[in-house]
Amino acid sequence: METFFIFVTIGLTIIIVIPFYRVLRGPTVFDRLLGAGAIGTKTLVIICLIGFLFDRLDMFIDIALVYAILSFIGTIITAKYFETEKAKE
């Protein structure tokens, strides 16, 4: 089971490249925000898998929760900023 989680972690790490491309080359700001949100979600899963592999899931769940909250707040603040910038124009 441990090797399965290692392969899943490696696969998710490779899959992060697709939304990262959208963050770099997105046609609009909101496409870039969606890509950043997708990267954040995949990173949460990777953090939990690493916690399971190190047999310290309780500690890594706390880290993942803090990361999720910061990612969500950052996305909301960025979206709100660009929404107000667009309204000023």
PDB file of N, CA and C in Angstrom:
ATOM      1  N   MET A   1       0.824  -1.194   0.000  1.00  0.00           N
ATOM      2  CA  MET A   1       0.000   0.000   0.000  1.00  0.00           C
ATOM      3  C   MET A   1       0.868   1.257   0.000  1.00  0.00           C
ATOM      4  N   GLU A   2       2.021   1.167   0.618  1.00  0.00           N
ATOM      5  CA  GLU A   2       2.908   2.315   0.685  1.00  0.00           C
ATOM      6  C   GLU A   2       3.418   2.698  -0.706  1.00  0.00           C
ATOM      7  N   THR A   3       3.747   1.704  -1.526  1.00  0.00           N
ATOM      8  CA  THR A   3       4.209   2.024  -2.878  1.00  0.00           C
ATOM      9  C   THR A   3       3.094   2.649  -3.716  1.00  0.00           C
ATOM     10  N   PHE A   4       1.857   2.232  -3.479  1.00  0.00           N
ATOM     11  CA  PHE A   4       0.731   2.837  -4.191  1.00  0.00           C
ATOM     12  C   PHE A   4       0.645   4.323  -3.871  1.00  0.00           C
ATOM     13  N   PHE A   5       0.766   4.675  -2.590  1.00  0.00           N
ATOM     14  CA  PHE A   5       0.702   6.085  -2.210  1.00  0.00           C
ATOM     15  C   PHE A   5       1.891   6.871  -2.753  1.00  0.00           C
ATOM     16  N   ILE A   6       3.042   6.237  -2.851  1.00  0.00           N
ATOM     17  CA  ILE A   6       4.203   6.919  -3.438  1.00  0.00           C
ATOM     18  C   ILE A   6       3.943   7.217  -4.910  1.00  0.00           C
ATOM     19  N   PHE A   7       3.380   6.257  -5.644  1.00  0.00           N
ATOM     20  CA  PHE A   7       3.083   6.482  -7.053  1.00  0.00           C
ATOM     21  C   PHE A   7       1.975   7.520  -7.242  1.00  0.00           C
ATOM     22  N   VAL A   8       0.999   7.521  -6.362  1.00  0.00           N
ATOM     23  CA  VAL A   8      -0.060   8.531  -6.441  1.00  0.00           C
ATOM     24  C   VAL A   8       0.522   9.923  -6.185  1.00  0.00           C
ATOM     25  N   THR A   9       1.413  10.034  -5.221  1.00  0.00           N
ATOM     26  CA  THR A   9       2.048  11.315  -4.918  1.00  0.00           C
ATOM     27  C   THR A   9       2.872  11.803  -6.102  1.00  0.00           C
ATOM     28  N   ILE A  10       3.627  10.900  -6.717  1.00  0.00           N
ATOM     29  CA  ILE A  10       4.422  11.274  -7.888  1.00  0.00           C
ATOM     30  C   ILE A  10       3.501  11.673  -9.044  1.00  0.00           C
ATOM     31  N   GLY A  11       2.419  10.930  -9.226  1.00  0.00           N
ATOM     32  CA  GLY A  11       1.462  11.259 -10.288  1.00  0.00           C
ATOM     33  C   GLY A  11       0.827  12.617 -10.082  1.00  0.00           C
ATOM     34  N   LEU A  12       0.431  12.920  -8.860  1.00  0.00           N
ATOM     35  CA  LEU A  12      -0.164  14.235  -8.576  1.00  0.00           C
ATOM     36  C   LEU A  12       0.846  15.361  -8.789  1.00  0.00           C
ATOM     37  N   THR A  13       2.091  15.097  -8.450  1.00  0.00           N
ATOM     38  CA  THR A  13       3.128  16.099  -8.658  1.00  0.00           C
ATOM     39  C   THR A  13       3.297  16.392 -10.149  1.00  0.00           C
ATOM     40  N   ILE A  14       3.217  15.360 -10.963  1.00  0.00           N
ATOM     41  CA  ILE A  14       3.324  15.557 -12.408  1.00  0.00           C
ATOM     42  C   ILE A  14       2.075  16.260 -12.950  1.00  0.00           C
ATOM     43  N   ILE A  15       0.905  15.914 -12.422  1.00  0.00           N
ATOM     44  CA  ILE A  15      -0.343  16.503 -12.892  1.00  0.00           C
ATOM     45  C   ILE A  15      -0.437  17.988 -12.544  1.00  0.00           C
ATOM     46  N   ILE A  16       0.295  18.447 -11.553  1.00  0.00           N
ATOM     47  CA  ILE A  16       0.278  19.869 -11.176  1.00  0.00           C
ATOM     48  C   ILE A  16       0.806  20.743 -12.313  1.00  0.00           C
ATOM     49  N   VAL A  17       1.541  20.168 -13.238  1.00  0.00           N
ATOM     50  CA  VAL A  17       2.093  20.946 -14.347  1.00  0.00           C
ATOM     51  C   VAL A  17       0.977  21.540 -15.218  1.00  0.00           C
ATOM     52  N   ILE A  18      -0.134  20.832 -15.379  1.00  0.00           N
ATOM     53  CA  ILE A  18      -1.216  21.301 -16.248  1.00  0.00           C
ATOM     54  C   ILE A  18      -1.840  22.600 -15.720  1.00  0.00           C
ATOM     55  N   PRO A  19      -2.273  22.663 -14.438  1.00  0.00           N
ATOM     56  CA  PRO A  19      -2.792  23.959 -13.969  1.00  0.00           C
ATOM     57  C   PRO A  19      -1.706  25.029 -13.859  1.00  0.00           C
ATOM     58  N   PHE A  20      -0.456  24.613 -13.667  1.00  0.00           N
ATOM     59  CA  PHE A  20       0.631  25.587 -13.601  1.00  0.00           C
ATOM     60  C   PHE A  20       0.793  26.295 -14.947  1.00  0.00           C
ATOM     61  N   TYR A  21       0.600  25.549 -16.030  1.00  0.00           N
ATOM     62  CA  TYR A  21       0.626  26.163 -17.357  1.00  0.00           C
ATOM     63  C   TYR A  21      -0.495  27.189 -17.477  1.00  0.00           C
ATOM     64  N   ARG A  22      -1.665  26.873 -16.936  1.00  0.00           N
ATOM     65  CA  ARG A  22      -2.805  27.802 -16.986  1.00  0.00           C
ATOM     66  C   ARG A  22      -2.513  29.046 -16.152  1.00  0.00           C
ATOM     67  N   VAL A  23      -1.790  28.887 -15.046  1.00  0.00           N
ATOM     68  CA  VAL A  23      -1.422  30.045 -14.224  1.00  0.00           C
ATOM     69  C   VAL A  23      -0.462  30.948 -14.992  1.00  0.00           C
ATOM     70  N   LEU A  24       0.472  30.371 -15.711  1.00  0.00           N
ATOM     71  CA  LEU A  24       1.446  31.168 -16.450  1.00  0.00           C
ATOM     72  C   LEU A  24       0.870  31.794 -17.713  1.00  0.00           C
ATOM     73  N   ARG A  25       0.062  31.049 -18.465  1.00  0.00           N
ATOM     74  CA  ARG A  25      -0.400  31.494 -19.776  1.00  0.00           C
ATOM     75  C   ARG A  25      -1.898  31.740 -19.870  1.00  0.00           C
ATOM     76  N   GLY A  26      -2.572  31.845 -18.734  1.00  0.00           N
ATOM     77  CA  GLY A  26      -4.029  31.992 -18.761  1.00  0.00           C
ATOM     78  C   GLY A  26      -4.459  33.209 -19.542  1.00  0.00           C
ATOM     79  N   PRO A  27      -5.528  33.094 -20.322  1.00  0.00           N
ATOM     80  CA  PRO A  27      -5.955  34.261 -21.094  1.00  0.00           C
ATOM     81  C   PRO A  27      -6.521  35.376 -20.204  1.00  0.00           C
ATOM     82  N   THR A  28      -7.125  35.025 -19.083  1.00  0.00           N
ATOM     83  CA  THR A  28      -7.647  36.055 -18.179  1.00  0.00           C
ATOM     84  C   THR A  28      -7.108  35.807 -16.773  1.00  0.00           C
ATOM     85  N   VAL A  29      -7.312  36.797 -15.938  1.00  0.00           N
ATOM     86  CA  VAL A  29      -6.858  36.693 -14.551  1.00  0.00           C
ATOM     87  C   VAL A  29      -7.629  35.591 -13.813  1.00  0.00           C
ATOM     88  N   PHE A  30      -8.900  35.455 -14.130  1.00  0.00           N
ATOM     89  CA  PHE A  30      -9.716  34.477 -13.420  1.00  0.00           C
ATOM     90  C   PHE A  30      -9.345  33.040 -13.808  1.00  0.00           C
ATOM     91  N   ASP A  31      -8.877  32.836 -15.041  1.00  0.00           N
ATOM     92  CA  ASP A  31      -8.340  31.523 -15.399  1.00  0.00           C
ATOM     93  C   ASP A  31      -7.096  31.216 -14.581  1.00  0.00           C
ATOM     94  N   ARG A  32      -6.300  32.217 -14.357  1.00  0.00           N
ATOM     95  CA  ARG A  32      -5.094  32.032 -13.543  1.00  0.00           C
ATOM     96  C   ARG A  32      -5.450  31.731 -12.090  1.00  0.00           C
ATOM     97  N   LEU A  33      -6.494  32.384 -11.588  1.00  0.00           N
ATOM     98  CA  LEU A  33      -6.942  32.101 -10.223  1.00  0.00           C
ATOM     99  C   LEU A  33      -7.464  30.675 -10.090  1.00  0.00           C
ATOM    100  N   LEU A  34      -8.196  30.214 -11.091  1.00  0.00           N
ATOM    101  CA  LEU A  34      -8.680  28.834 -11.064  1.00  0.00           C
ATOM    102  C   LEU A  34      -7.525  27.840 -11.104  1.00  0.00           C
ATOM    103  N   GLY A  35      -6.514  28.141 -11.891  1.00  0.00           N
ATOM    104  CA  GLY A  35      -5.334  27.280 -11.936  1.00  0.00           C
ATOM    105  C   GLY A  35      -4.620  27.248 -10.598  1.00  0.00           C
ATOM    106  N   ALA A  36      -4.505  28.399  -9.962  1.00  0.00           N
ATOM    107  CA  ALA A  36      -3.869  28.445  -8.641  1.00  0.00           C
ATOM    108  C   ALA A  36      -4.678  27.664  -7.613  1.00  0.00           C
ATOM    109  N   GLY A  37      -5.999  27.737  -7.703  1.00  0.00           N
ATOM    110  CA  GLY A  37      -6.845  26.958  -6.798  1.00  0.00           C
ATOM    111  C   GLY A  37      -6.689  25.459  -7.012  1.00  0.00           C
ATOM    112  N   ALA A  38      -6.560  25.053  -8.262  1.00  0.00           N
ATOM    113  CA  ALA A  38      -6.357  23.632  -8.556  1.00  0.00           C
ATOM    114  C   ALA A  38      -5.015  23.149  -8.031  1.00  0.00           C
ATOM    115  N   ILE A  39      -3.993  23.975  -8.154  1.00  0.00           N
ATOM    116  CA  ILE A  39      -2.685  23.612  -7.608  1.00  0.00           C
ATOM    117  C   ILE A  39      -2.768  23.482  -6.095  1.00  0.00           C
ATOM    118  N   GLY A  40      -3.495  24.400  -5.455  1.00  0.00           N
ATOM    119  CA  GLY A  40      -3.656  24.332  -3.997  1.00  0.00           C
ATOM    120  C   GLY A  40      -4.361  23.064  -3.551  1.00  0.00           C
ATOM    121  N   THR A  41      -5.380  22.646  -4.294  1.00  0.00           N
ATOM    122  CA  THR A  41      -6.111  21.430  -3.942  1.00  0.00           C
ATOM    123  C   THR A  41      -5.235  20.194  -4.073  1.00  0.00           C
ATOM    124  N   LYS A  42      -4.493  20.125  -5.153  1.00  0.00           N
ATOM    125  CA  LYS A  42      -3.602  18.973  -5.348  1.00  0.00           C
ATOM    126  C   LYS A  42      -2.486  18.952  -4.298  1.00  0.00           C
ATOM    127  N   THR A  43      -2.028  20.132  -3.912  1.00  0.00           N
ATOM    128  CA  THR A  43      -0.997  20.209  -2.886  1.00  0.00           C
ATOM    129  C   THR A  43      -1.524  19.713  -1.543  1.00  0.00           C
ATOM    130  N   LEU A  44      -2.781  19.992  -1.240  1.00  0.00           N
ATOM    131  CA  LEU A  44      -3.382  19.483   0.001  1.00  0.00           C
ATOM    132  C   LEU A  44      -3.376  17.961   0.035  1.00  0.00           C
ATOM    133  N   VAL A  45      -3.744  17.355  -1.077  1.00  0.00           N
ATOM    134  CA  VAL A  45      -3.761  15.897  -1.139  1.00  0.00           C
ATOM    135  C   VAL A  45      -2.346  15.346  -0.994  1.00  0.00           C
ATOM    136  N   ILE A  46      -1.366  15.991  -1.621  1.00  0.00           N
ATOM    137  CA  ILE A  46       0.023  15.539  -1.515  1.00  0.00           C
ATOM    138  C   ILE A  46       0.511  15.646  -0.080  1.00  0.00           C
ATOM    139  N   ILE A  47       0.165  16.717   0.614  1.00  0.00           N
ATOM    140  CA  ILE A  47       0.567  16.874   2.014  1.00  0.00           C
ATOM    141  C   ILE A  47      -0.018  15.751   2.868  1.00  0.00           C
ATOM    142  N   CYS A  48      -1.280  15.421   2.648  1.00  0.00           N
ATOM    143  CA  CYS A  48      -1.903  14.336   3.421  1.00  0.00           C
ATOM    144  C   CYS A  48      -1.271  12.981   3.102  1.00  0.00           C
ATOM    145  N   LEU A  49      -0.950  12.743   1.835  1.00  0.00           N
ATOM    146  CA  LEU A  49      -0.298  11.479   1.468  1.00  0.00           C
ATOM    147  C   LEU A  49       1.096  11.366   2.090  1.00  0.00           C
ATOM    148  N   ILE A  50       1.820  12.459   2.107  1.00  0.00           N
ATOM    149  CA  ILE A  50       3.147  12.441   2.735  1.00  0.00           C
ATOM    150  C   ILE A  50       3.015  12.183   4.231  1.00  0.00           C
ATOM    151  N   GLY A  51       1.994  12.771   4.849  1.00  0.00           N
ATOM    152  CA  GLY A  51       1.752  12.501   6.271  1.00  0.00           C
ATOM    153  C   GLY A  51       1.460  11.038   6.534  1.00  0.00           C
ATOM    154  N   PHE A  52       0.706  10.414   5.635  1.00  0.00           N
ATOM    155  CA  PHE A  52       0.431   8.985   5.784  1.00  0.00           C
ATOM    156  C   PHE A  52       1.704   8.161   5.608  1.00  0.00           C
ATOM    157  N   LEU A  53       2.531   8.548   4.659  1.00  0.00           N
ATOM    158  CA  LEU A  53       3.773   7.800   4.419  1.00  0.00           C
ATOM    159  C   LEU A  53       4.737   7.910   5.592  1.00  0.00           C
ATOM    160  N   PHE A  54       4.777   9.064   6.257  1.00  0.00           N
ATOM    161  CA  PHE A  54       5.653   9.243   7.410  1.00  0.00           C
ATOM    162  C   PHE A  54       5.010   8.777   8.712  1.00  0.00           C
ATOM    163  N   ASP A  55       3.775   8.286   8.624  1.00  0.00           N
ATOM    164  CA  ASP A  55       3.036   7.790   9.789  1.00  0.00           C
ATOM    165  C   ASP A  55       2.817   8.898  10.824  1.00  0.00           C
ATOM    166  N   ARG A  56       2.639  10.112  10.344  1.00  0.00           N
ATOM    167  CA  ARG A  56       2.352  11.274  11.191  1.00  0.00           C
ATOM    168  C   ARG A  56       1.191  12.052  10.597  1.00  0.00           C
ATOM    169  N   LEU A  57       0.121  11.336  10.279  1.00  0.00           N
ATOM    170  CA  LEU A  57      -1.009  11.942   9.591  1.00  0.00           C
ATOM    171  C   LEU A  57      -1.635  13.071  10.403  1.00  0.00           C
ATOM    172  N   ASP A  58      -1.649  12.941  11.728  1.00  0.00           N
ATOM    173  CA  ASP A  58      -2.269  13.968  12.566  1.00  0.00           C
ATOM    174  C   ASP A  58      -1.573  15.318  12.420  1.00  0.00           C
ATOM    175  N   MET A  59      -0.250  15.311  12.361  1.00  0.00           N
ATOM    176  CA  MET A  59       0.492  16.559  12.225  1.00  0.00           C
ATOM    177  C   MET A  59       0.308  17.150  10.827  1.00  0.00           C
ATOM    178  N   PHE A  60       0.333  16.305   9.815  1.00  0.00           N
ATOM    179  CA  PHE A  60       0.226  16.800   8.447  1.00  0.00           C
ATOM    180  C   PHE A  60      -1.190  17.261   8.113  1.00  0.00           C
ATOM    181  N   ILE A  61      -2.199  16.719   8.772  1.00  0.00           N
ATOM    182  CA  ILE A  61      -3.563  17.209   8.583  1.00  0.00           C
ATOM    183  C   ILE A  61      -3.666  18.654   9.071  1.00  0.00           C
ATOM    184  N   ASP A  62      -3.038  18.957  10.200  1.00  0.00           N
ATOM    185  CA  ASP A  62      -3.031  20.332  10.695  1.00  0.00           C
ATOM    186  C   ASP A  62      -2.347  21.270   9.700  1.00  0.00           C
ATOM    187  N   ILE A  63      -1.228  20.829   9.154  1.00  0.00           N
ATOM    188  CA  ILE A  63      -0.516  21.634   8.164  1.00  0.00           C
ATOM    189  C   ILE A  63      -1.380  21.830   6.925  1.00  0.00           C
ATOM    190  N   ALA A  64      -2.061  20.773   6.490  1.00  0.00           N
ATOM    191  CA  ALA A  64      -2.913  20.854   5.305  1.00  0.00           C
ATOM    192  C   ALA A  64      -4.097  21.809   5.537  1.00  0.00           C
ATOM    193  N   LEU A  65      -4.671  21.794   6.730  1.00  0.00           N
ATOM    194  CA  LEU A  65      -5.781  22.699   7.032  1.00  0.00           C
ATOM    195  C   LEU A  65      -5.345  24.159   6.996  1.00  0.00           C
ATOM    196  N   VAL A  66      -4.188  24.439   7.558  1.00  0.00           N
ATOM    197  CA  VAL A  66      -3.673  25.813   7.536  1.00  0.00           C
ATOM    198  C   VAL A  66      -3.387  26.233   6.101  1.00  0.00           C
ATOM    199  N   TYR A  67      -2.802  25.329   5.317  1.00  0.00           N
ATOM    200  CA  TYR A  67      -2.520  25.630   3.916  1.00  0.00           C
ATOM    201  C   TYR A  67      -3.820  25.884   3.147  1.00  0.00           C
ATOM    202  N   ALA A  68      -4.854  25.103   3.414  1.00  0.00           N
ATOM    203  CA  ALA A  68      -6.137  25.271   2.726  1.00  0.00           C
ATOM    204  C   ALA A  68      -6.757  26.622   3.057  1.00  0.00           C
ATOM    205  N   ILE A  69      -6.709  26.995   4.319  1.00  0.00           N
ATOM    206  CA  ILE A  69      -7.282  28.282   4.727  1.00  0.00           C
ATOM    207  C   ILE A  69      -6.526  29.434   4.079  1.00  0.00           C
ATOM    208  N   LEU A  70      -5.192  29.375   4.083  1.00  0.00           N
ATOM    209  CA  LEU A  70      -4.403  30.443   3.475  1.00  0.00           C
ATOM    210  C   LEU A  70      -4.611  30.503   1.962  1.00  0.00           C
ATOM    211  N   SER A  71      -4.712  29.361   1.322  1.00  0.00           N
ATOM    212  CA  SER A  71      -4.949  29.324  -0.120  1.00  0.00           C
ATOM    213  C   SER A  71      -6.316  29.905  -0.461  1.00  0.00           C
ATOM    214  N   PHE A  72      -7.319  29.546   0.302  1.00  0.00           N
ATOM    215  CA  PHE A  72      -8.671  30.056   0.059  1.00  0.00           C
ATOM    216  C   PHE A  72      -8.736  31.561   0.270  1.00  0.00           C
ATOM    217  N   ILE A  73      -8.173  32.040   1.360  1.00  0.00           N
ATOM    218  CA  ILE A  73      -8.196  33.476   1.644  1.00  0.00           C
ATOM    219  C   ILE A  73      -7.420  34.247   0.584  1.00  0.00           C
ATOM    220  N   GLY A  74      -6.280  33.708   0.166  1.00  0.00           N
ATOM    221  CA  GLY A  74      -5.495  34.360  -0.880  1.00  0.00           C
ATOM    222  C   GLY A  74      -6.239  34.440  -2.195  1.00  0.00           C
ATOM    223  N   THR A  75      -6.954  33.391  -2.548  1.00  0.00           N
ATOM    224  CA  THR A  75      -7.730  33.397  -3.783  1.00  0.00           C
ATOM    225  C   THR A  75      -8.870  34.408  -3.711  1.00  0.00           C
ATOM    226  N   ILE A  76      -9.553  34.449  -2.584  1.00  0.00           N
ATOM    227  CA  ILE A  76     -10.662  35.395  -2.423  1.00  0.00           C
ATOM    228  C   ILE A  76     -10.161  36.837  -2.460  1.00  0.00           C
ATOM    229  N   ILE A  77      -9.067  37.113  -1.781  1.00  0.00           N
ATOM    230  CA  ILE A  77      -8.525  38.476  -1.762  1.00  0.00           C
ATOM    231  C   ILE A  77      -8.075  38.899  -3.154  1.00  0.00           C
ATOM    232  N   THR A  78      -7.412  38.001  -3.865  1.00  0.00           N
ATOM    233  CA  THR A  78      -6.948  38.328  -5.212  1.00  0.00           C
ATOM    234  C   THR A  78      -8.126  38.571  -6.154  1.00  0.00           C
ATOM    235  N   ALA A  79      -9.147  37.723  -6.082  1.00  0.00           N
ATOM    236  CA  ALA A  79     -10.326  37.902  -6.929  1.00  0.00           C
ATOM    237  C   ALA A  79     -11.034  39.221  -6.606  1.00  0.00           C
ATOM    238  N   LYS A  80     -11.141  39.534  -5.330  1.00  0.00           N
ATOM    239  CA  LYS A  80     -11.786  40.782  -4.925  1.00  0.00           C
ATOM    240  C   LYS A  80     -10.986  41.995  -5.407  1.00  0.00           C
ATOM    241  N   TYR A  81      -9.664  41.889  -5.344  1.00  0.00           N
ATOM    242  CA  TYR A  81      -8.805  42.982  -5.806  1.00  0.00           C
ATOM    243  C   TYR A  81      -9.009  43.238  -7.295  1.00  0.00           C
ATOM    244  N   PHE A  82      -9.005  42.183  -8.094  1.00  0.00           N
ATOM    245  CA  PHE A  82      -9.172  42.365  -9.530  1.00  0.00           C
ATOM    246  C   PHE A  82     -10.585  42.787  -9.895  1.00  0.00           C
ATOM    247  N   GLU A  83     -11.553  42.401  -9.084  1.00  0.00           N
ATOM    248  CA  GLU A  83     -12.922  42.836  -9.326  1.00  0.00           C
ATOM    249  C   GLU A  83     -13.050  44.334  -9.096  1.00  0.00           C
ATOM    250  N   THR A  84     -12.433  44.854  -8.039  1.00  0.00           N
ATOM    251  CA  THR A  84     -12.506  46.286  -7.761  1.00  0.00           C
ATOM    252  C   THR A  84     -11.666  47.067  -8.773  1.00  0.00           C
ATOM    253  N   GLU A  85     -10.551  46.533  -9.243  1.00  0.00           N
ATOM    254  CA  GLU A  85      -9.753  47.202 -10.250  1.00  0.00           C
ATOM    255  C   GLU A  85     -10.514  47.330 -11.557  1.00  0.00           C
ATOM    256  N   LYS A  86     -11.282  46.299 -11.902  1.00  0.00           N
ATOM    257  CA  LYS A  86     -12.068  46.328 -13.125  1.00  0.00           C
ATOM    258  C   LYS A  86     -13.215  47.337 -12.991  1.00  0.00           C
ATOM    259  N   ALA A  87     -13.768  47.456 -11.797  1.00  0.00           N
ATOM    260  CA  ALA A  87     -14.867  48.405 -11.579  1.00  0.00           C
ATOM    261  C   ALA A  87     -14.385  49.851 -11.665  1.00  0.00           C
ATOM    262  N   LYS A  88     -13.131  50.105 -11.315  1.00  0.00           N
ATOM    263  CA  LYS A  88     -12.594  51.466 -11.365  1.00  0.00           C
ATOM    264  C   LYS A  88     -12.399  51.953 -12.791  1.00  0.00           C
ATOM    265  N   GLU A  89     -12.183  51.041 -13.718  1.00  0.00           N
ATOM    266  CA  GLU A  89     -11.921  51.435 -15.109  1.00  0.00           C
ATOM    267  C   GLU A  89     -13.127  51.888 -15.836  1.00  0.00           C
TER     268      GLU A  89
END
